[in-house]
Amino acid sequence: MVLERMNKIFAVGFNKTGTTSLHALFESMGFTSYHGKKWRACDDIELLRSYDCFSDGIPKDLAYLDRMFPNSKFILQVRELDTWIFSRLAHIERRKERNIHQEGPLWDNTETSVKYWIRQRNDHHLHVLSYFAERPSDLLVVNFVRDESAATRISGFLGHPGRRERPIEHVNPQKEHPLRHTEMLNQCIAEIGIAESELNYDILCPSLISNEMRDIFPADTSLLERSSEESDSQ
């Protein structure tokens, strides 16, 4: 049976949000999937034409991808702020131990980097949500790490209905984190002015956005699910 495919599938959330597992899910559904950095610049047309799905980092120009590949589907994969930060810090420290070249000055295990990531995450998530505000059927926001039904929801979103098992690759949300990472993160949010409770939110830090934006966009996927259930019951 040949399944009808939309133009492209772009996972436009950050790395360390279960992207390796997402890549495995795409391949299990029969899609050709690219998991890596080269697609992010949005300038390698041959690469973009060669695969169905793309993941592992955020694109430089979301609107360009949308124009270049109309009728595509977009997935914003998210993760709780604290475990996302901890995962990034651990990844960087492992690379440093192996003397692997870092991606840039803000891809480092410093307070400057962590504060930049927090603001960048908020800005990017807000941009994606705003961009698709009038086209909700083209965007799925999902916490692949926390939501046990994520694989089923993603497959349904992509036109492949039916229950699917969630592949989990290189993800351990229950892993204990070094005290130095916890202390660094707490120091960073104190300096930025973020409430400790917002560390558990997987979409936005309300402290970093206006009251108007808080009323429009949810801080956590649990609020999206609640809103959907309320709509279904009406």
Protein backbone atom coordinates (compact mmCIF):
# COMPACT_ATOMS: atom_id res chain seq x y z
CA MET A 1 0.00 0.00 0.00
CA VAL A 2 1.41 3.37 -1.07
CA LEU A 3 0.75 6.12 1.46
CA GLU A 4 0.13 9.64 0.24
CA ARG A 5 2.77 11.99 1.62
CA MET A 6 2.69 15.71 2.21
CA ASN A 7 5.54 17.75 0.82
CA LYS A 8 7.96 17.78 3.75
CA ILE A 9 8.02 17.29 7.53
CA PHE A 10 10.11 19.72 9.54
CA ALA A 11 10.80 19.19 13.25
CA VAL A 12 11.56 22.78 14.20
CA GLY A 13 12.25 22.42 17.93
CA PHE A 14 15.69 22.51 19.51
CA ASN A 15 18.09 19.62 19.80
CA LYS A 16 18.10 17.60 23.05
CA THR A 17 14.32 17.27 22.86
CA GLY A 18 14.19 13.66 21.71
CA THR A 19 15.17 14.38 18.10
CA THR A 20 17.02 11.07 17.68
CA SER A 21 13.86 9.26 18.76
CA LEU A 22 11.79 11.42 16.44
CA HIS A 23 14.14 10.56 13.58
CA ALA A 24 13.69 6.85 14.37
CA LEU A 25 9.92 7.30 14.38
CA PHE A 26 9.97 8.96 10.97
CA GLU A 27 11.99 6.11 9.52
CA SER A 28 9.70 3.51 11.09
CA MET A 29 6.83 5.18 9.21
CA GLY A 30 8.62 4.74 5.90
CA PHE A 31 9.84 8.30 5.48
CA THR A 32 13.36 9.22 4.44
CA SER A 33 14.70 11.24 7.35
CA TYR A 34 17.68 13.55 7.79
CA HIS A 35 18.94 14.03 11.35
CA GLY A 36 21.79 16.53 11.52
CA LYS A 37 22.91 20.14 11.20
CA LYS A 38 23.23 20.87 7.49
CA TRP A 39 19.53 21.51 6.82
CA ARG A 40 19.27 24.26 9.45
CA ALA A 41 20.79 26.98 7.22
CA CYS A 42 17.93 26.39 4.72
CA ASP A 43 20.31 27.01 1.80
CA ASP A 44 21.09 23.48 0.61
CA ILE A 45 18.20 22.92 -1.78
CA GLU A 46 19.46 19.53 -2.95
CA LEU A 47 19.57 18.28 0.63
CA LEU A 48 16.11 19.64 1.35
CA ARG A 49 14.74 17.96 -1.76
CA SER A 50 16.41 14.64 -0.97
CA TYR A 51 14.56 13.78 2.26
CA ASP A 52 11.01 13.74 3.57
CA CYS A 53 11.81 14.72 7.17
CA PHE A 54 14.30 16.95 8.95
CA SER A 55 15.25 17.22 12.62
CA ASP A 56 18.01 18.10 15.12
CA GLY A 57 17.96 21.86 15.65
CA ILE A 58 16.04 24.93 14.61
CA PRO A 59 15.94 26.31 11.05
CA LYS A 60 17.39 29.69 10.19
CA ASP A 61 14.31 30.71 8.18
CA LEU A 62 11.02 29.01 9.02
CA ALA A 63 9.05 31.15 6.58
CA TYR A 64 11.41 30.25 3.73
CA LEU A 65 10.88 26.53 4.27
CA ASP A 66 7.14 27.12 4.37
CA ARG A 67 7.23 29.00 1.07
CA MET A 68 9.66 26.64 -0.64
CA PHE A 69 7.72 23.52 0.36
CA PRO A 70 4.02 24.41 0.56
CA ASN A 71 1.65 21.94 2.21
CA SER A 72 4.41 20.73 4.52
CA LYS A 73 3.84 19.76 8.14
CA PHE A 74 5.76 21.22 11.08
CA ILE A 75 6.41 19.70 14.48
CA LEU A 76 7.55 21.83 17.42
CA GLN A 77 9.04 19.28 19.81
CA VAL A 78 9.55 20.70 23.28
CA ARG A 79 10.90 19.65 26.67
CA GLU A 80 10.81 20.97 30.24
CA LEU A 81 13.27 23.83 30.64
CA ASP A 82 15.36 22.28 33.42
CA THR A 83 15.92 18.84 31.89
CA TRP A 84 16.58 20.43 28.49
CA ILE A 85 19.30 22.66 29.98
CA PHE A 86 20.80 19.76 31.92
CA SER A 87 20.88 17.58 28.80
CA ARG A 88 22.68 20.28 26.83
CA LEU A 89 25.24 20.88 29.56
CA ALA A 90 25.98 17.15 29.88
CA HIS A 91 26.33 16.85 26.11
CA ILE A 92 28.81 19.73 25.94
CA GLU A 93 30.90 18.40 28.81
CA ARG A 94 31.12 14.98 27.16
CA ARG A 95 32.32 16.63 23.95
CA LYS A 96 34.91 18.68 25.83
CA GLU A 97 36.25 15.55 27.49
CA ARG A 98 36.83 14.10 24.01
CA ASN A 99 38.28 17.41 22.71
CA ILE A 100 35.52 17.72 20.12
CA HIS A 101 35.21 21.19 18.59
CA GLN A 102 32.23 23.18 19.84
CA GLU A 103 29.69 24.82 17.54
CA GLY A 104 30.22 28.38 18.74
CA PRO A 105 30.87 30.66 21.72
CA LEU A 106 27.31 30.26 23.02
CA TRP A 107 27.42 26.45 22.81
CA ASP A 108 29.30 26.12 26.08
CA ASN A 109 28.76 25.14 29.72
CA THR A 110 28.76 28.68 31.11
CA GLU A 111 26.13 30.91 32.72
CA THR A 112 26.29 33.20 29.69
CA SER A 113 25.37 30.28 27.44
CA VAL A 114 22.56 29.05 29.68
CA LYS A 115 20.96 32.48 29.92
CA TYR A 116 21.19 32.83 26.14
CA TRP A 117 19.55 29.41 25.62
CA ILE A 118 16.65 30.29 27.90
CA ARG A 119 15.89 33.51 26.03
CA GLN A 120 16.46 31.91 22.62
CA ARG A 121 14.10 29.05 23.48
CA ASN A 122 11.37 31.45 24.52
CA ASP A 123 11.80 33.65 21.43
CA HIS A 124 11.84 30.72 19.01
CA HIS A 125 8.84 28.93 20.51
CA LEU A 126 6.88 32.19 20.50
CA HIS A 127 7.85 32.80 16.87
CA VAL A 128 6.71 29.34 15.76
CA LEU A 129 3.43 29.55 17.67
CA SER A 130 2.73 33.03 16.29
CA TYR A 131 3.60 32.00 12.74
CA PHE A 132 1.10 29.13 12.74
CA ALA A 133 -1.55 30.84 14.87
CA GLU A 134 -3.95 30.98 11.91
CA ARG A 135 -2.95 27.53 10.59
CA PRO A 136 -3.18 25.15 13.56
CA SER A 137 -3.59 22.11 11.31
CA ASP A 138 -0.04 22.57 9.98
CA LEU A 139 1.69 22.55 13.39
CA LEU A 140 1.89 19.93 16.14
CA VAL A 141 3.41 20.89 19.48
CA VAL A 142 4.52 17.79 21.34
CA ASN A 143 6.72 16.80 24.28
CA PHE A 144 8.24 13.63 22.89
CA VAL A 145 10.16 12.93 26.09
CA ARG A 146 7.25 13.23 28.53
CA ASP A 147 4.19 12.27 26.50
CA GLU A 148 3.84 8.50 26.21
CA SER A 149 1.27 8.96 23.43
CA ALA A 150 3.61 11.24 21.43
CA ALA A 151 4.37 8.71 18.69
CA THR A 152 0.67 7.98 18.14
CA ARG A 153 -0.15 11.70 18.04
CA ILE A 154 2.65 12.42 15.58
CA SER A 155 1.70 9.55 13.27
CA GLY A 156 -1.91 10.70 13.28
CA PHE A 157 -0.82 14.27 12.53
CA LEU A 158 1.14 12.96 9.54
CA GLY A 159 -1.77 10.95 8.18
CA HIS A 160 -0.79 7.55 9.58
CA PRO A 161 -3.56 6.76 12.09
CA GLY A 162 -3.11 3.98 14.60
CA ARG A 163 -1.28 3.43 17.86
CA ARG A 164 2.52 3.52 17.72
CA GLU A 165 5.17 2.75 20.29
CA ARG A 166 7.40 5.66 21.20
CA PRO A 167 11.05 4.95 20.38
CA ILE A 168 13.30 6.48 23.02
CA GLU A 169 16.90 6.96 21.94
CA HIS A 170 19.54 8.56 24.19
CA VAL A 171 16.92 10.06 26.53
CA ASN A 172 16.72 9.51 30.28
CA PRO A 173 14.53 12.19 31.88
CA GLN A 174 14.99 10.59 35.34
CA LYS A 175 18.79 10.86 35.24
CA GLU A 176 20.39 12.61 38.19
CA HIS A 177 22.14 15.85 37.32
CA PRO A 178 25.37 17.23 38.78
CA LEU A 179 24.84 19.70 41.60
CA ARG A 180 26.93 22.28 39.73
CA HIS A 181 24.42 22.23 36.87
CA THR A 182 21.49 22.73 39.24
CA GLU A 183 23.25 25.59 41.00
CA MET A 184 24.17 27.24 37.70
CA LEU A 185 20.62 27.03 36.39
CA ASN A 186 19.16 28.41 39.61
CA GLN A 187 21.61 31.31 39.47
CA CYS A 188 20.69 32.00 35.85
CA ILE A 189 16.94 32.10 36.36
CA ALA A 190 17.39 34.32 39.42
CA GLU A 191 19.38 36.81 37.35
CA ILE A 192 16.91 36.70 34.46
CA GLY A 193 13.91 36.95 36.77
CA ILE A 194 12.21 33.62 36.11
CA ALA A 195 10.19 31.85 38.79
CA GLU A 196 11.48 28.43 39.81
CA SER A 197 8.10 26.90 38.94
CA GLU A 198 8.69 27.80 35.29
CA LEU A 199 11.53 25.27 35.10
CA ASN A 200 8.80 22.62 34.66
CA TYR A 201 7.16 24.34 31.68
CA ASP A 202 8.03 22.87 28.30
CA ILE A 203 6.93 25.67 25.94
CA LEU A 204 7.40 29.14 27.43
CA CYS A 205 8.59 31.03 30.49
CA PRO A 206 5.67 33.42 31.18
CA SER A 207 8.02 35.79 33.03
CA LEU A 208 9.74 36.56 29.72
CA ILE A 209 6.65 37.52 27.73
CA SER A 210 3.95 40.17 27.95
CA ASN A 211 0.65 39.61 29.73
CA GLU A 212 -1.09 39.72 26.34
CA MET A 213 1.09 36.91 24.99
CA ARG A 214 0.49 34.86 28.16
CA ASP A 215 -3.25 34.95 27.46
CA ILE A 216 -2.74 33.72 23.89
CA PHE A 217 -0.01 31.10 24.12
CA PRO A 218 0.23 28.33 26.75
CA ALA A 219 3.38 27.83 28.81
CA ASP A 220 3.12 24.03 28.81
CA THR A 221 1.76 21.28 26.55
CA SER A 222 -0.47 20.06 29.40
CA LEU A 223 -2.47 23.26 28.90
CA LEU A 224 -2.80 22.55 25.18
CA GLU A 225 -4.15 19.08 25.95
CA ARG A 226 -6.60 20.50 28.49
CA SER A 227 -7.81 23.09 25.99
CA SER A 228 -8.33 20.37 23.37
CA GLU A 229 -10.30 18.20 25.78
CA GLU A 230 -12.52 21.14 26.72
CA SER A 231 -13.19 21.89 23.04
CA ASP A 232 -14.09 18.24 22.35
CA SER A 233 -16.58 18.22 25.23
CA GLN A 234 -18.42 21.32 24.03
